[in-house]
PDB file of all heavy atoms in Angstrom:
ATOM      1  N   LEU A   1      -9.276  -2.575  12.154  1.00  0.00           N
ATOM      2  CA  LEU A   1      -8.587  -3.483  13.023  1.00  0.00           C
ATOM      3  C   LEU A   1      -7.546  -2.704  13.951  1.00  0.00           C
ATOM      4  O   LEU A   1      -6.859  -1.850  13.504  1.00  0.00           O
ATOM      5  CB  LEU A   1      -7.748  -4.429  12.207  1.00  0.00           C
ATOM      6  CG  LEU A   1      -8.588  -5.407  11.256  1.00  0.00           C
ATOM      7  CD1 LEU A   1      -7.639  -6.230  10.401  1.00  0.00           C
ATOM      8  CD2 LEU A   1      -9.526  -6.255  12.054  1.00  0.00           C
ATOM      9  N   VAL A   2      -7.592  -3.044  15.217  1.00  0.00           N
ATOM     10  CA  VAL A   2      -6.661  -2.595  16.176  1.00  0.00           C
ATOM     11  C   VAL A   2      -5.898  -3.792  16.707  1.00  0.00           C
ATOM     12  O   VAL A   2      -6.474  -4.628  17.358  1.00  0.00           O
ATOM     13  CB  VAL A   2      -7.302  -1.836  17.315  1.00  0.00           C
ATOM     14  CG1 VAL A   2      -6.272  -1.366  18.263  1.00  0.00           C
ATOM     15  CG2 VAL A   2      -8.153  -0.642  16.767  1.00  0.00           C
ATOM     16  N   VAL A   3      -4.672  -3.885  16.314  1.00  0.00           N
ATOM     17  CA  VAL A   3      -3.855  -5.106  16.702  1.00  0.00           C
ATOM     18  C   VAL A   3      -2.692  -4.601  17.558  1.00  0.00           C
ATOM     19  O   VAL A   3      -1.935  -3.771  17.036  1.00  0.00           O
ATOM     20  CB  VAL A   3      -3.294  -5.813  15.452  1.00  0.00           C
ATOM     21  CG1 VAL A   3      -2.469  -7.007  15.844  1.00  0.00           C
ATOM     22  CG2 VAL A   3      -4.499  -6.255  14.530  1.00  0.00           C
ATOM     23  N   PRO A   4      -2.607  -5.066  18.765  1.00  0.00           N
ATOM     24  CA  PRO A   4      -1.578  -4.614  19.654  1.00  0.00           C
ATOM     25  C   PRO A   4      -0.183  -4.898  18.957  1.00  0.00           C
ATOM     26  O   PRO A   4       0.065  -5.972  18.405  1.00  0.00           O
ATOM     27  CB  PRO A   4      -1.678  -5.457  20.956  1.00  0.00           C
ATOM     28  CG  PRO A   4      -3.067  -6.000  20.836  1.00  0.00           C
ATOM     29  CD  PRO A   4      -3.489  -6.023  19.410  1.00  0.00           C
ATOM     30  N   GLY A   5       0.735  -3.927  19.063  1.00  0.00           N
ATOM     31  CA  GLY A   5       2.068  -4.072  18.492  1.00  0.00           C
ATOM     32  C   GLY A   5       2.190  -3.921  17.010  1.00  0.00           C
ATOM     33  O   GLY A   5       3.317  -3.926  16.453  1.00  0.00           O
ATOM     34  N   LEU A   6       1.081  -3.584  16.364  1.00  0.00           N
ATOM     35  CA  LEU A   6       1.171  -3.394  14.805  1.00  0.00           C
ATOM     36  C   LEU A   6       0.750  -2.040  14.572  1.00  0.00           C
ATOM     37  O   LEU A   6      -0.354  -1.578  14.868  1.00  0.00           O
ATOM     38  CB  LEU A   6       0.246  -4.410  14.064  1.00  0.00           C
ATOM     39  CG  LEU A   6       0.225  -4.195  12.603  1.00  0.00           C
ATOM     40  CD1 LEU A   6       1.581  -4.533  11.991  1.00  0.00           C
ATOM     41  CD2 LEU A   6      -0.793  -5.156  11.986  1.00  0.00           C
ATOM     42  N   SER A   7       1.607  -1.278  13.993  1.00  0.00           N
ATOM     43  CA  SER A   7       1.259   0.086  13.599  1.00  0.00           C
ATOM     44  C   SER A   7       0.987   0.148  12.101  1.00  0.00           C
ATOM     45  O   SER A   7       1.859  -0.275  11.331  1.00  0.00           O
ATOM     46  CB  SER A   7       2.420   1.006  14.040  1.00  0.00           C
ATOM     47  OG  SER A   7       2.813   1.880  13.086  1.00  0.00           O
ATOM     48  N   VAL A   8      -0.202   0.500  11.741  1.00  0.00           N
ATOM     49  CA  VAL A   8      -0.632   0.545  10.327  1.00  0.00           C
ATOM     50  C   VAL A   8      -0.486   1.967   9.903  1.00  0.00           C
ATOM     51  O   VAL A   8      -0.999   2.882  10.458  1.00  0.00           O
ATOM     52  CB  VAL A   8      -2.118   0.102  10.133  1.00  0.00           C
ATOM     53  CG1 VAL A   8      -2.520   0.236   8.735  1.00  0.00           C
ATOM     54  CG2 VAL A   8      -2.282  -1.215  10.640  1.00  0.00           C
ATOM     55  N   PRO A   9       0.404   2.198   8.849  1.00  0.00           N
ATOM     56  CA  PRO A   9       0.596   3.595   8.407  1.00  0.00           C
ATOM     57  C   PRO A   9      -0.691   4.178   7.829  1.00  0.00           C
ATOM     58  O   PRO A   9      -1.495   3.545   7.198  1.00  0.00           O
ATOM     59  CB  PRO A   9       1.618   3.433   7.292  1.00  0.00           C
ATOM     60  CG  PRO A   9       1.478   2.006   6.811  1.00  0.00           C
ATOM     61  CD  PRO A   9       0.955   1.250   7.920  1.00  0.00           C
ATOM     62  N   GLU A  10      -0.818   5.456   8.146  1.00  0.00           N
ATOM     63  CA  GLU A  10      -1.945   6.265   7.612  1.00  0.00           C
ATOM     64  C   GLU A  10      -1.587   6.413   6.104  1.00  0.00           C
ATOM     65  O   GLU A  10      -0.557   7.046   5.773  1.00  0.00           O
ATOM     66  CB  GLU A  10      -2.077   7.593   8.291  1.00  0.00           C
ATOM     67  CG  GLU A  10      -2.439   7.383   9.768  1.00  0.00           C
ATOM     68  CD  GLU A  10      -3.924   7.456  10.016  1.00  0.00           C
ATOM     69  OE1 GLU A  10      -4.647   7.918   9.131  1.00  0.00           O
ATOM     70  OE2 GLU A  10      -4.332   6.977  11.108  1.00  0.00           O
ATOM     71  N   GLU A  11      -2.437   6.006   5.206  1.00  0.00           N
ATOM     72  CA  GLU A  11      -2.159   6.188   3.782  1.00  0.00           C
ATOM     73  C   GLU A  11      -3.404   6.718   3.082  1.00  0.00           C
ATOM     74  O   GLU A  11      -4.558   6.232   3.364  1.00  0.00           O
ATOM     75  CB  GLU A  11      -1.860   4.902   3.123  1.00  0.00           C
ATOM     76  CG  GLU A  11      -0.546   4.180   3.572  1.00  0.00           C
ATOM     77  CD  GLU A  11      -0.340   2.973   2.805  1.00  0.00           C
ATOM     78  OE1 GLU A  11      -1.220   2.034   2.838  1.00  0.00           O
ATOM     79  OE2 GLU A  11       0.791   2.774   2.266  1.00  0.00           O
ATOM     80  N   THR A  12      -3.261   7.575   2.163  1.00  0.00           N
ATOM     81  CA  THR A  12      -4.377   7.968   1.296  1.00  0.00           C
ATOM     82  C   THR A  12      -4.420   6.869   0.232  1.00  0.00           C
ATOM     83  O   THR A  12      -3.509   6.093   0.052  1.00  0.00           O
ATOM     84  CB  THR A  12      -4.013   9.388   0.645  1.00  0.00           C
ATOM     85  OG1 THR A  12      -2.873   9.127  -0.220  1.00  0.00           O
ATOM     86  CG2 THR A  12      -3.809  10.461   1.580  1.00  0.00           C
ATOM     87  N   PRO A  13      -5.537   6.831  -0.474  1.00  0.00           N
ATOM     88  CA  PRO A  13      -5.595   5.812  -1.559  1.00  0.00           C
ATOM     89  C   PRO A  13      -4.481   5.977  -2.601  1.00  0.00           C
ATOM     90  O   PRO A  13      -3.861   5.036  -3.101  1.00  0.00           O
ATOM     91  CB  PRO A  13      -6.961   6.097  -2.225  1.00  0.00           C
ATOM     92  CG  PRO A  13      -7.807   6.724  -1.119  1.00  0.00           C
ATOM     93  CD  PRO A  13      -6.800   7.497  -0.288  1.00  0.00           C
ATOM     94  N   LYS A  14      -4.010   7.206  -2.878  1.00  0.00           N
ATOM     95  CA  LYS A  14      -2.926   7.413  -3.825  1.00  0.00           C
ATOM     96  C   LYS A  14      -1.681   6.895  -3.211  1.00  0.00           C
ATOM     97  O   LYS A  14      -0.885   6.221  -3.938  1.00  0.00           O
ATOM     98  CB  LYS A  14      -2.805   8.919  -4.050  1.00  0.00           C
ATOM     99  CG  LYS A  14      -1.647   9.237  -5.048  1.00  0.00           C
ATOM    100  CD  LYS A  14      -1.602  10.826  -5.238  1.00  0.00           C
ATOM    101  CE  LYS A  14      -0.578  11.037  -6.363  1.00  0.00           C
ATOM    102  NZ  LYS A  14       0.470  11.917  -6.050  1.00  0.00           N
ATOM    103  N   GLU A  15      -1.385   7.126  -1.930  1.00  0.00           N
ATOM    104  CA  GLU A  15      -0.218   6.594  -1.272  1.00  0.00           C
ATOM    105  C   GLU A  15      -0.148   5.107  -1.291  1.00  0.00           C
ATOM    106  O   GLU A  15       0.894   4.433  -1.453  1.00  0.00           O
ATOM    107  CB  GLU A  15      -0.031   7.088   0.142  1.00  0.00           C
ATOM    108  CG  GLU A  15       0.321   8.587   0.184  1.00  0.00           C
ATOM    109  CD  GLU A  15       0.193   9.180   1.535  1.00  0.00           C
ATOM    110  OE1 GLU A  15      -0.647   8.704   2.380  1.00  0.00           O
ATOM    111  OE2 GLU A  15       0.857  10.171   1.823  1.00  0.00           O
ATOM    112  N   LYS A  16      -1.348   4.476  -1.021  1.00  0.00           N
ATOM    113  CA  LYS A  16      -1.475   3.008  -1.053  1.00  0.00           C
ATOM    114  C   LYS A  16      -1.090   2.466  -2.446  1.00  0.00           C
ATOM    115  O   LYS A  16      -0.363   1.470  -2.579  1.00  0.00           O
ATOM    116  CB  LYS A  16      -2.805   2.594  -0.635  1.00  0.00           C
ATOM    117  CG  LYS A  16      -3.026   1.042  -0.522  1.00  0.00           C
ATOM    118  CD  LYS A  16      -4.455   0.676  -0.135  1.00  0.00           C
ATOM    119  CE  LYS A  16      -4.584   0.663   1.332  1.00  0.00           C
ATOM    120  NZ  LYS A  16      -5.775  -0.045   1.853  1.00  0.00           N
ATOM    121  N   PHE A  17      -1.652   3.109  -3.430  1.00  0.00           N
ATOM    122  CA  PHE A  17      -1.367   2.674  -4.813  1.00  0.00           C
ATOM    123  C   PHE A  17       0.103   2.803  -5.130  1.00  0.00           C
ATOM    124  O   PHE A  17       0.700   1.742  -5.647  1.00  0.00           O
ATOM    125  CB  PHE A  17      -2.169   3.573  -5.839  1.00  0.00           C
ATOM    126  CG  PHE A  17      -2.065   3.033  -7.259  1.00  0.00           C
ATOM    127  CD1 PHE A  17      -3.120   2.167  -7.746  1.00  0.00           C
ATOM    128  CD2 PHE A  17      -0.997   3.403  -8.038  1.00  0.00           C
ATOM    129  CE1 PHE A  17      -3.001   1.718  -9.093  1.00  0.00           C
ATOM    130  CE2 PHE A  17      -0.911   2.906  -9.344  1.00  0.00           C
ATOM    131  CZ  PHE A  17      -1.933   2.073  -9.872  1.00  0.00           C
ATOM    132  N   GLU A  18       0.729   3.855  -4.701  1.00  0.00           N
ATOM    133  CA  GLU A  18       2.131   4.021  -4.982  1.00  0.00           C
ATOM    134  C   GLU A  18       2.986   3.022  -4.214  1.00  0.00           C
ATOM    135  O   GLU A  18       3.964   2.521  -4.673  1.00  0.00           O
ATOM    136  CB  GLU A  18       2.575   5.440  -4.627  1.00  0.00           C
ATOM    137  CG  GLU A  18       2.057   6.531  -5.558  1.00  0.00           C
ATOM    138  CD  GLU A  18       2.256   7.911  -5.091  1.00  0.00           C
ATOM    139  OE1 GLU A  18       2.727   8.161  -4.037  1.00  0.00           O
ATOM    140  OE2 GLU A  18       1.910   8.845  -5.896  1.00  0.00           O
ATOM    141  N   ARG A  19       2.592   2.662  -2.951  1.00  0.00           N
ATOM    142  CA  ARG A  19       3.290   1.673  -2.189  1.00  0.00           C
ATOM    143  C   ARG A  19       3.213   0.295  -2.803  1.00  0.00           C
ATOM    144  O   ARG A  19       4.229  -0.465  -2.924  1.00  0.00           O
ATOM    145  CB  ARG A  19       2.725   1.552  -0.762  1.00  0.00           C
ATOM    146  CG  ARG A  19       3.389   0.443   0.074  1.00  0.00           C
ATOM    147  CD  ARG A  19       2.852   0.393   1.481  1.00  0.00           C
ATOM    148  NE  ARG A  19       1.411   0.280   1.566  1.00  0.00           N
ATOM    149  CZ  ARG A  19       0.667  -0.855   1.551  1.00  0.00           C
ATOM    150  NH1 ARG A  19       1.322  -2.001   1.278  1.00  0.00           N
ATOM    151  NH2 ARG A  19      -0.577  -0.939   1.685  1.00  0.00           N
ATOM    152  N   VAL A  20       2.060  -0.007  -3.406  1.00  0.00           N
ATOM    153  CA  VAL A  20       1.905  -1.342  -4.001  1.00  0.00           C
ATOM    154  C   VAL A  20       2.478  -1.436  -5.379  1.00  0.00           C
ATOM    155  O   VAL A  20       2.932  -2.493  -5.783  1.00  0.00           O
ATOM    156  CB  VAL A  20       0.352  -1.626  -3.966  1.00  0.00           C
ATOM    157  CG1 VAL A  20       0.042  -2.911  -4.750  1.00  0.00           C
ATOM    158  CG2 VAL A  20      -0.147  -1.745  -2.577  1.00  0.00           C
ATOM    159  N   ASP A  21       2.472  -0.340  -6.087  1.00  0.00           N
ATOM    160  CA  ASP A  21       3.014  -0.348  -7.451  1.00  0.00           C
ATOM    161  C   ASP A  21       4.570  -0.328  -7.408  1.00  0.00           C
ATOM    162  O   ASP A  21       5.198   0.674  -7.647  1.00  0.00           O
ATOM    163  CB  ASP A  21       2.521   0.877  -8.230  1.00  0.00           C
ATOM    164  CG  ASP A  21       2.975   0.879  -9.615  1.00  0.00           C
ATOM    165  OD1 ASP A  21       3.370  -0.118 -10.179  1.00  0.00           O
ATOM    166  OD2 ASP A  21       2.962   2.016 -10.226  1.00  0.00           O
ATOM    167  N   ALA A  22       5.074  -1.522  -7.092  1.00  0.00           N
ATOM    168  CA  ALA A  22       6.588  -1.627  -6.809  1.00  0.00           C
ATOM    169  C   ALA A  22       7.406  -1.261  -8.058  1.00  0.00           C
ATOM    170  O   ALA A  22       8.420  -0.619  -7.860  1.00  0.00           O
ATOM    171  CB  ALA A  22       6.889  -3.055  -6.339  1.00  0.00           C
ATOM    172  N   ASN A  23       7.006  -1.560  -9.220  1.00  0.00           N
ATOM    173  CA  ASN A  23       7.767  -1.205 -10.383  1.00  0.00           C
ATOM    174  C   ASN A  23       7.523   0.172 -10.978  1.00  0.00           C
ATOM    175  O   ASN A  23       8.010   0.536 -11.983  1.00  0.00           O
ATOM    176  CB  ASN A  23       7.671  -2.339 -11.471  1.00  0.00           C
ATOM    177  CG  ASN A  23       6.267  -2.489 -12.005  1.00  0.00           C
ATOM    178  OD1 ASN A  23       5.385  -1.652 -11.639  1.00  0.00           O
ATOM    179  ND2 ASN A  23       6.034  -3.444 -12.844  1.00  0.00           N
ATOM    180  N   GLU A  24       6.567   0.868 -10.237  1.00  0.00           N
ATOM    181  CA  GLU A  24       6.279   2.304 -10.637  1.00  0.00           C
ATOM    182  C   GLU A  24       5.866   2.490 -12.104  1.00  0.00           C
ATOM    183  O   GLU A  24       6.232   3.444 -12.744  1.00  0.00           O
ATOM    184  CB  GLU A  24       7.426   3.225 -10.253  1.00  0.00           C
ATOM    185  CG  GLU A  24       7.774   3.139  -8.857  1.00  0.00           C
ATOM    186  CD  GLU A  24       9.020   4.030  -8.467  1.00  0.00           C
ATOM    187  OE1 GLU A  24       9.606   4.608  -9.333  1.00  0.00           O
ATOM    188  OE2 GLU A  24       9.375   4.052  -7.247  1.00  0.00           O
ATOM    189  N   ASP A  25       5.065   1.559 -12.570  1.00  0.00           N
ATOM    190  CA  ASP A  25       4.556   1.670 -13.952  1.00  0.00           C
ATOM    191  C   ASP A  25       3.138   2.193 -14.021  1.00  0.00           C
ATOM    192  O   ASP A  25       2.505   2.063 -15.063  1.00  0.00           O
ATOM    193  CB  ASP A  25       4.696   0.313 -14.723  1.00  0.00           C
ATOM    194  CG  ASP A  25       3.859  -0.818 -14.168  1.00  0.00           C
ATOM    195  OD1 ASP A  25       3.173  -0.595 -13.054  1.00  0.00           O
ATOM    196  OD2 ASP A  25       3.752  -1.859 -14.685  1.00  0.00           O
ATOM    197  N   ASP A  26       2.639   2.642 -12.920  1.00  0.00           N
ATOM    198  CA  ASP A  26       1.223   3.143 -12.760  1.00  0.00           C
ATOM    199  C   ASP A  26       0.144   2.073 -13.091  1.00  0.00           C
ATOM    200  O   ASP A  26      -0.914   2.471 -13.529  1.00  0.00           O
ATOM    201  CB  ASP A  26       1.016   4.405 -13.655  1.00  0.00           C
ATOM    202  CG  ASP A  26       1.802   5.610 -13.127  1.00  0.00           C
ATOM    203  OD1 ASP A  26       1.931   5.694 -11.851  1.00  0.00           O
ATOM    204  OD2 ASP A  26       2.220   6.413 -13.956  1.00  0.00           O
ATOM    205  N   GLU A  27       0.567   0.855 -12.865  1.00  0.00           N
ATOM    206  CA  GLU A  27      -0.404  -0.227 -12.975  1.00  0.00           C
ATOM    207  C   GLU A  27      -0.055  -1.317 -11.880  1.00  0.00           C
ATOM    208  O   GLU A  27       1.062  -1.455 -11.478  1.00  0.00           O
ATOM    209  CB  GLU A  27      -0.267  -0.997 -14.364  1.00  0.00           C
ATOM    210  CG  GLU A  27      -0.606  -0.173 -15.545  1.00  0.00           C
ATOM    211  CD  GLU A  27      -0.399  -0.965 -16.868  1.00  0.00           C
ATOM    212  OE1 GLU A  27       0.452  -1.918 -16.831  1.00  0.00           O
ATOM    213  OE2 GLU A  27      -0.999  -0.551 -17.894  1.00  0.00           O
ATOM    214  N   ILE A  28      -1.122  -1.929 -11.458  1.00  0.00           N
ATOM    215  CA  ILE A  28      -0.936  -2.902 -10.356  1.00  0.00           C
ATOM    216  C   ILE A  28      -1.213  -4.236 -10.959  1.00  0.00           C
ATOM    217  O   ILE A  28      -2.369  -4.510 -11.298  1.00  0.00           O
ATOM    218  CB  ILE A  28      -1.869  -2.663  -9.116  1.00  0.00           C
ATOM    219  CG1 ILE A  28      -1.509  -1.284  -8.477  1.00  0.00           C
ATOM    220  CG2 ILE A  28      -1.802  -3.801  -8.128  1.00  0.00           C
ATOM    221  CD1 ILE A  28      -2.460  -0.883  -7.336  1.00  0.00           C
ATOM    222  N   ASN A  29      -0.221  -5.121 -11.012  1.00  0.00           N
ATOM    223  CA  ASN A  29      -0.421  -6.487 -11.430  1.00  0.00           C
ATOM    224  C   ASN A  29      -0.912  -7.284 -10.236  1.00  0.00           C
ATOM    225  O   ASN A  29      -0.937  -6.831  -9.087  1.00  0.00           O
ATOM    226  CB  ASN A  29       0.715  -7.111 -12.176  1.00  0.00           C
ATOM    227  CG  ASN A  29       2.030  -7.210 -11.220  1.00  0.00           C
ATOM    228  OD1 ASN A  29       1.889  -7.406  -9.970  1.00  0.00           O
ATOM    229  ND2 ASN A  29       3.192  -6.976 -11.780  1.00  0.00           N
ATOM    230  N   PHE A  30      -1.202  -8.609 -10.437  1.00  0.00           N
ATOM    231  CA  PHE A  30      -1.759  -9.390  -9.389  1.00  0.00           C
ATOM    232  C   PHE A  30      -0.742  -9.573  -8.203  1.00  0.00           C
ATOM    233  O   PHE A  30      -1.130  -9.418  -7.094  1.00  0.00           O
ATOM    234  CB  PHE A  30      -2.127 -10.769  -9.909  1.00  0.00           C
ATOM    235  CG  PHE A  30      -2.795 -11.640  -8.779  1.00  0.00           C
ATOM    236  CD1 PHE A  30      -4.019 -11.322  -8.317  1.00  0.00           C
ATOM    237  CD2 PHE A  30      -2.091 -12.708  -8.284  1.00  0.00           C
ATOM    238  CE1 PHE A  30      -4.558 -12.071  -7.279  1.00  0.00           C
ATOM    239  CE2 PHE A  30      -2.647 -13.528  -7.295  1.00  0.00           C
ATOM    240  CZ  PHE A  30      -3.891 -13.152  -6.837  1.00  0.00           C
ATOM    241  N   ASP A  31       0.529  -9.826  -8.587  1.00  0.00           N
ATOM    242  CA  ASP A  31       1.568  -9.936  -7.516  1.00  0.00           C
ATOM    243  C   ASP A  31       1.600  -8.667  -6.625  1.00  0.00           C
ATOM    244  O   ASP A  31       1.695  -8.745  -5.413  1.00  0.00           O
ATOM    245  CB  ASP A  31       2.919 -10.273  -8.077  1.00  0.00           C
ATOM    246  CG  ASP A  31       3.016 -11.676  -8.621  1.00  0.00           C
ATOM    247  OD1 ASP A  31       2.158 -12.546  -8.161  1.00  0.00           O
ATOM    248  OD2 ASP A  31       3.775 -11.910  -9.579  1.00  0.00           O
ATOM    249  N   GLU A  32       1.520  -7.504  -7.278  1.00  0.00           N
ATOM    250  CA  GLU A  32       1.480  -6.227  -6.521  1.00  0.00           C
ATOM    251  C   GLU A  32       0.261  -6.175  -5.692  1.00  0.00           C
ATOM    252  O   GLU A  32       0.253  -5.646  -4.564  1.00  0.00           O
ATOM    253  CB  GLU A  32       1.710  -5.077  -7.456  1.00  0.00           C
ATOM    254  CG  GLU A  32       3.091  -5.029  -8.063  1.00  0.00           C
ATOM    255  CD  GLU A  32       3.175  -4.035  -9.218  1.00  0.00           C
ATOM    256  OE1 GLU A  32       2.154  -3.768  -9.924  1.00  0.00           O
ATOM    257  OE2 GLU A  32       4.226  -3.436  -9.372  1.00  0.00           O
TER     258      GLU A  32
END
């Protein structure tokens, strides 16, 4: 997707997991 005005950060899968894992428990629950 290329959306004007939206910059999507370049993330590796590991970085994406870490961004989503808000409580940093190395697990992603549904809300995360």
